[in-house]
N, C-alpha and C. Protein backbone atom coordinates (compact mmCIF):
# COMPACT_ATOMS: atom_id res chain seq x y z
N MET A 1 36.46 32.54 -35.71
CA MET A 1 35.55 31.68 -34.97
C MET A 1 34.13 32.25 -34.90
N LYS A 2 33.96 33.53 -35.11
CA LYS A 2 32.64 34.15 -35.04
C LYS A 2 31.66 33.51 -36.03
N ASN A 3 32.13 33.16 -37.22
CA ASN A 3 31.26 32.64 -38.26
C ASN A 3 31.11 31.12 -38.21
N ASP A 4 31.67 30.48 -37.20
CA ASP A 4 31.57 29.03 -37.10
C ASP A 4 30.12 28.61 -36.86
N ASN A 5 29.79 27.47 -37.40
CA ASN A 5 28.47 26.89 -37.25
C ASN A 5 28.31 26.39 -35.81
N LEU A 6 27.31 26.88 -35.10
CA LEU A 6 27.11 26.57 -33.68
C LEU A 6 27.06 25.07 -33.42
N ILE A 7 26.26 24.34 -34.17
CA ILE A 7 26.12 22.91 -33.89
C ILE A 7 27.39 22.16 -34.25
N ALA A 8 28.11 22.61 -35.27
CA ALA A 8 29.39 21.97 -35.62
C ALA A 8 30.39 22.17 -34.49
N VAL A 9 30.43 23.37 -33.94
CA VAL A 9 31.35 23.66 -32.83
C VAL A 9 30.96 22.85 -31.59
N LYS A 10 29.65 22.85 -31.26
CA LYS A 10 29.18 22.13 -30.07
C LYS A 10 29.46 20.63 -30.16
N THR A 11 29.21 20.04 -31.33
CA THR A 11 29.42 18.60 -31.46
C THR A 11 30.91 18.25 -31.46
N PHE A 12 31.73 19.12 -32.03
CA PHE A 12 33.18 18.88 -32.00
C PHE A 12 33.69 18.95 -30.56
N GLU A 13 33.29 19.98 -29.84
CA GLU A 13 33.73 20.14 -28.45
C GLU A 13 33.20 19.00 -27.57
N PHE A 14 31.97 18.57 -27.85
CA PHE A 14 31.41 17.45 -27.10
C PHE A 14 32.23 16.18 -27.36
N SER A 15 32.60 15.97 -28.60
CA SER A 15 33.44 14.81 -28.94
C SER A 15 34.74 14.83 -28.16
N LEU A 16 35.34 16.00 -28.06
CA LEU A 16 36.59 16.12 -27.30
C LEU A 16 36.39 15.76 -25.83
N THR A 17 35.28 16.20 -25.25
CA THR A 17 35.04 15.87 -23.84
C THR A 17 34.76 14.38 -23.67
N ILE A 18 34.10 13.77 -24.64
CA ILE A 18 33.83 12.34 -24.55
C ILE A 18 35.12 11.53 -24.72
N ILE A 19 36.03 12.01 -25.54
CA ILE A 19 37.33 11.34 -25.66
C ILE A 19 38.03 11.32 -24.31
N GLN A 20 37.96 12.44 -23.59
CA GLN A 20 38.55 12.48 -22.25
C GLN A 20 37.83 11.54 -21.29
N LEU A 21 36.50 11.49 -21.39
CA LEU A 21 35.73 10.55 -20.58
C LEU A 21 36.14 9.12 -20.89
N PHE A 22 36.31 8.81 -22.16
CA PHE A 22 36.73 7.47 -22.58
C PHE A 22 38.06 7.09 -21.94
N VAL A 23 39.00 8.02 -21.94
CA VAL A 23 40.32 7.78 -21.32
C VAL A 23 40.15 7.49 -19.82
N GLU A 24 39.32 8.28 -19.16
CA GLU A 24 39.09 8.08 -17.73
C GLU A 24 38.40 6.74 -17.46
N LEU A 25 37.45 6.38 -18.31
CA LEU A 25 36.74 5.11 -18.13
C LEU A 25 37.68 3.92 -18.33
N LYS A 26 38.58 4.04 -19.28
CA LYS A 26 39.56 2.97 -19.49
C LYS A 26 40.45 2.80 -18.25
N ARG A 27 40.79 3.90 -17.60
CA ARG A 27 41.57 3.82 -16.35
C ARG A 27 40.82 3.05 -15.27
N GLU A 28 39.49 3.10 -15.34
CA GLU A 28 38.66 2.37 -14.38
C GLU A 28 38.31 0.97 -14.89
N ASN A 29 38.95 0.58 -15.99
CA ASN A 29 38.72 -0.74 -16.61
C ASN A 29 37.30 -0.95 -17.12
N GLU A 30 36.68 0.12 -17.59
CA GLU A 30 35.36 0.02 -18.21
C GLU A 30 35.58 0.14 -19.72
N TYR A 31 35.45 -0.97 -20.43
CA TYR A 31 35.79 -1.00 -21.86
C TYR A 31 34.57 -1.15 -22.77
N ILE A 32 33.50 -1.69 -22.30
CA ILE A 32 32.37 -2.01 -23.17
C ILE A 32 31.55 -0.77 -23.52
N ILE A 33 30.93 -0.17 -22.53
CA ILE A 33 30.07 0.99 -22.77
C ILE A 33 30.91 2.19 -23.21
N SER A 34 32.11 2.31 -22.69
CA SER A 34 32.96 3.44 -23.06
C SER A 34 33.23 3.48 -24.56
N LYS A 35 33.43 2.31 -25.17
CA LYS A 35 33.65 2.27 -26.63
C LYS A 35 32.39 2.66 -27.38
N GLN A 36 31.25 2.23 -26.88
CA GLN A 36 29.98 2.56 -27.53
C GLN A 36 29.72 4.07 -27.49
N VAL A 37 29.91 4.66 -26.32
CA VAL A 37 29.66 6.09 -26.19
C VAL A 37 30.67 6.89 -27.03
N LEU A 38 31.90 6.42 -27.10
CA LEU A 38 32.91 7.09 -27.93
C LEU A 38 32.51 7.06 -29.40
N ARG A 39 32.11 5.90 -29.89
CA ARG A 39 31.73 5.76 -31.31
C ARG A 39 30.52 6.62 -31.67
N SER A 40 29.47 6.51 -30.87
CA SER A 40 28.24 7.23 -31.22
C SER A 40 28.42 8.74 -31.07
N SER A 41 29.13 9.16 -30.04
CA SER A 41 29.28 10.61 -29.81
C SER A 41 30.14 11.28 -30.87
N THR A 42 31.20 10.62 -31.30
CA THR A 42 32.05 11.23 -32.33
C THR A 42 31.37 11.20 -33.70
N SER A 43 30.45 10.27 -33.86
CA SER A 43 29.69 10.19 -35.11
C SER A 43 28.72 11.36 -35.28
N ILE A 44 28.27 11.93 -34.18
CA ILE A 44 27.34 13.07 -34.25
C ILE A 44 27.99 14.20 -35.05
N GLY A 45 29.16 14.62 -34.63
CA GLY A 45 29.86 15.72 -35.29
C GLY A 45 30.25 15.39 -36.72
N ALA A 46 30.63 14.14 -36.97
CA ALA A 46 30.99 13.73 -38.33
C ALA A 46 29.79 13.89 -39.27
N ASN A 47 28.61 13.51 -38.79
CA ASN A 47 27.41 13.65 -39.61
C ASN A 47 26.98 15.10 -39.76
N VAL A 48 27.20 15.91 -38.76
CA VAL A 48 26.92 17.35 -38.88
C VAL A 48 27.83 17.95 -39.94
N GLU A 49 29.09 17.58 -39.93
CA GLU A 49 30.03 18.08 -40.95
C GLU A 49 29.60 17.65 -42.35
N GLU A 50 29.14 16.41 -42.48
CA GLU A 50 28.64 15.95 -43.78
C GLU A 50 27.41 16.75 -44.19
N ALA A 51 26.54 17.05 -43.23
CA ALA A 51 25.33 17.83 -43.53
C ALA A 51 25.68 19.22 -44.04
N ILE A 52 26.71 19.82 -43.46
CA ILE A 52 27.13 21.16 -43.88
C ILE A 52 27.54 21.15 -45.35
N ALA A 53 28.07 20.03 -45.82
CA ALA A 53 28.50 19.91 -47.22
C ALA A 53 27.44 19.24 -48.10
N ALA A 54 26.21 19.18 -47.62
CA ALA A 54 25.14 18.49 -48.35
C ALA A 54 24.92 19.09 -49.73
N GLN A 55 24.47 18.23 -50.65
CA GLN A 55 24.23 18.65 -52.02
C GLN A 55 22.83 19.20 -52.24
N SER A 56 21.95 18.96 -51.30
CA SER A 56 20.58 19.47 -51.40
C SER A 56 20.00 19.61 -49.99
N LYS A 57 18.86 20.24 -49.90
CA LYS A 57 18.19 20.40 -48.61
C LYS A 57 17.77 19.03 -48.06
N ARG A 58 17.32 18.14 -48.94
CA ARG A 58 16.93 16.80 -48.50
C ARG A 58 18.14 16.01 -48.00
N ASP A 59 19.27 16.16 -48.69
CA ASP A 59 20.51 15.51 -48.26
C ASP A 59 20.92 16.06 -46.89
N PHE A 60 20.79 17.37 -46.71
CA PHE A 60 21.10 18.02 -45.44
C PHE A 60 20.24 17.43 -44.31
N ILE A 61 18.94 17.33 -44.56
CA ILE A 61 18.01 16.79 -43.55
C ILE A 61 18.37 15.34 -43.23
N ASN A 62 18.71 14.58 -44.25
CA ASN A 62 19.08 13.18 -44.05
C ASN A 62 20.31 13.06 -43.15
N LYS A 63 21.34 13.83 -43.42
CA LYS A 63 22.57 13.78 -42.61
C LYS A 63 22.32 14.27 -41.19
N MET A 64 21.53 15.32 -41.05
CA MET A 64 21.21 15.81 -39.71
C MET A 64 20.35 14.80 -38.95
N SER A 65 19.51 14.07 -39.66
CA SER A 65 18.69 13.04 -39.02
C SER A 65 19.58 11.91 -38.50
N ILE A 66 20.61 11.58 -39.24
CA ILE A 66 21.57 10.56 -38.76
C ILE A 66 22.30 11.09 -37.53
N ALA A 67 22.69 12.36 -37.56
CA ALA A 67 23.33 12.97 -36.38
C ALA A 67 22.40 12.90 -35.18
N SER A 68 21.12 13.14 -35.39
CA SER A 68 20.13 13.07 -34.32
C SER A 68 20.06 11.66 -33.73
N LYS A 69 20.04 10.66 -34.59
CA LYS A 69 20.01 9.27 -34.12
C LYS A 69 21.25 8.94 -33.31
N GLU A 70 22.40 9.39 -33.77
CA GLU A 70 23.65 9.13 -33.04
C GLU A 70 23.64 9.85 -31.69
N ALA A 71 23.07 11.04 -31.65
CA ALA A 71 22.98 11.80 -30.40
C ALA A 71 22.09 11.06 -29.40
N ARG A 72 20.98 10.55 -29.89
CA ARG A 72 20.07 9.81 -29.02
C ARG A 72 20.71 8.50 -28.53
N GLU A 73 21.48 7.85 -29.41
CA GLU A 73 22.20 6.66 -28.99
C GLU A 73 23.23 7.01 -27.91
N THR A 74 23.92 8.12 -28.10
CA THR A 74 24.90 8.58 -27.10
C THR A 74 24.23 8.81 -25.76
N LYS A 75 23.07 9.44 -25.79
CA LYS A 75 22.32 9.68 -24.55
C LYS A 75 22.00 8.36 -23.86
N TYR A 76 21.61 7.36 -24.63
CA TYR A 76 21.31 6.05 -24.08
C TYR A 76 22.52 5.46 -23.35
N TRP A 77 23.68 5.47 -24.01
CA TRP A 77 24.90 4.91 -23.40
C TRP A 77 25.29 5.69 -22.16
N LEU A 78 25.16 7.00 -22.22
CA LEU A 78 25.49 7.82 -21.05
C LEU A 78 24.55 7.52 -19.88
N ARG A 79 23.28 7.34 -20.19
CA ARG A 79 22.32 6.98 -19.14
C ARG A 79 22.67 5.63 -18.52
N LEU A 80 23.07 4.68 -19.35
CA LEU A 80 23.50 3.38 -18.83
C LEU A 80 24.71 3.52 -17.91
N LEU A 81 25.67 4.32 -18.33
CA LEU A 81 26.84 4.56 -17.48
C LEU A 81 26.42 5.18 -16.15
N ASP A 82 25.51 6.12 -16.22
CA ASP A 82 25.06 6.83 -15.03
C ASP A 82 24.34 5.90 -14.06
N LYS A 83 23.42 5.11 -14.56
CA LYS A 83 22.57 4.28 -13.70
C LYS A 83 23.19 2.94 -13.32
N SER A 84 24.13 2.46 -14.10
CA SER A 84 24.71 1.14 -13.84
C SER A 84 25.74 1.15 -12.72
N GLU A 85 26.22 2.31 -12.39
CA GLU A 85 27.25 2.47 -11.36
C GLU A 85 28.53 1.72 -11.71
N LEU A 86 28.81 1.61 -13.02
CA LEU A 86 30.08 1.01 -13.48
C LEU A 86 31.25 1.97 -13.27
N THR A 87 30.94 3.23 -13.03
CA THR A 87 31.97 4.23 -12.86
C THR A 87 31.59 5.17 -11.72
N LYS A 88 32.59 5.78 -11.17
CA LYS A 88 32.35 6.80 -10.14
C LYS A 88 32.41 8.20 -10.76
N ILE A 89 32.68 8.27 -12.05
CA ILE A 89 32.75 9.55 -12.76
C ILE A 89 31.33 10.11 -12.88
N PRO A 90 31.11 11.36 -12.50
CA PRO A 90 29.77 11.96 -12.66
C PRO A 90 29.43 12.13 -14.14
N ILE A 91 28.27 11.67 -14.53
CA ILE A 91 27.85 11.68 -15.93
C ILE A 91 26.83 12.79 -16.22
N THR A 92 26.31 13.42 -15.21
CA THR A 92 25.24 14.41 -15.36
C THR A 92 25.58 15.52 -16.36
N THR A 93 26.78 16.06 -16.30
CA THR A 93 27.17 17.14 -17.21
C THR A 93 27.10 16.69 -18.66
N TYR A 94 27.52 15.48 -18.93
CA TYR A 94 27.47 14.93 -20.29
C TYR A 94 26.03 14.76 -20.74
N LEU A 95 25.18 14.31 -19.83
CA LEU A 95 23.76 14.13 -20.16
C LEU A 95 23.08 15.47 -20.48
N ILE A 96 23.44 16.48 -19.73
CA ILE A 96 22.87 17.82 -19.99
C ILE A 96 23.32 18.32 -21.35
N GLU A 97 24.59 18.15 -21.66
CA GLU A 97 25.11 18.64 -22.95
C GLU A 97 24.52 17.88 -24.13
N ILE A 98 24.38 16.56 -24.00
CA ILE A 98 23.81 15.81 -25.12
C ILE A 98 22.35 16.18 -25.33
N GLU A 99 21.66 16.50 -24.25
CA GLU A 99 20.26 16.95 -24.38
C GLU A 99 20.20 18.27 -25.15
N HIS A 100 21.12 19.19 -24.87
CA HIS A 100 21.18 20.46 -25.62
C HIS A 100 21.44 20.19 -27.09
N ILE A 101 22.37 19.30 -27.37
CA ILE A 101 22.71 18.97 -28.76
C ILE A 101 21.50 18.36 -29.47
N ILE A 102 20.81 17.44 -28.81
CA ILE A 102 19.61 16.83 -29.40
C ILE A 102 18.57 17.90 -29.71
N ASN A 103 18.35 18.82 -28.78
CA ASN A 103 17.36 19.88 -28.99
C ASN A 103 17.72 20.78 -30.17
N ILE A 104 18.99 21.13 -30.29
CA ILE A 104 19.43 21.98 -31.41
C ILE A 104 19.25 21.25 -32.73
N ILE A 105 19.69 20.00 -32.80
CA ILE A 105 19.58 19.24 -34.05
C ILE A 105 18.12 19.04 -34.42
N THR A 106 17.28 18.75 -33.44
CA THR A 106 15.85 18.58 -33.70
C THR A 106 15.25 19.85 -34.29
N LYS A 107 15.61 21.00 -33.73
CA LYS A 107 15.10 22.28 -34.24
C LYS A 107 15.60 22.54 -35.67
N ILE A 108 16.86 22.21 -35.93
CA ILE A 108 17.42 22.39 -37.28
C ILE A 108 16.65 21.53 -38.28
N ILE A 109 16.40 20.28 -37.92
CA ILE A 109 15.67 19.37 -38.83
C ILE A 109 14.25 19.88 -39.06
N LYS A 110 13.59 20.27 -37.99
CA LYS A 110 12.20 20.77 -38.10
C LYS A 110 12.15 22.02 -38.99
N THR A 111 13.03 22.96 -38.77
CA THR A 111 13.08 24.19 -39.57
C THR A 111 13.38 23.88 -41.04
N SER A 112 14.28 22.94 -41.26
CA SER A 112 14.64 22.57 -42.63
C SER A 112 13.46 21.89 -43.34
N HIS A 113 12.74 21.02 -42.61
CA HIS A 113 11.55 20.40 -43.19
C HIS A 113 10.51 21.45 -43.58
N GLU A 114 10.32 22.42 -42.69
CA GLU A 114 9.34 23.49 -42.95
C GLU A 114 9.72 24.30 -44.17
N SER A 115 11.01 24.51 -44.38
CA SER A 115 11.44 25.33 -45.53
C SER A 115 11.25 24.60 -46.85
N ILE A 116 11.23 23.27 -46.82
CA ILE A 116 11.00 22.50 -48.05
C ILE A 116 9.52 22.48 -48.41
N THR A 117 8.67 22.39 -47.39
CA THR A 117 7.23 22.25 -47.63
C THR A 117 6.52 23.55 -47.94
N LYS A 118 7.23 24.67 -47.85
CA LYS A 118 6.59 25.97 -48.14
C LYS A 118 6.54 26.22 -49.63
């Protein structure tokens, strides 16, 4: 586990926590936003995994950019859950974690862009 890719591990673990959130939301009969947050959040890690297997630096940036978009979409759905009061489940922890993920992915993309332009 020492050599695992940090963002791959974080996005996988985040997906697992969102799956648990999805199960809890279904118990509260919240089906609409819960499905959206499940889809977008699990897509983040899938795109990170694709980026790791990229065929070029540009392909890597493209896949990470898609992961970034999915992360931002996830943040949107989580914010809706938080502010809409459709659930009594606290969403703050999820919002903090998705913000960390967005920041890491943004830094990876920025660093990768800089390495191409040098």
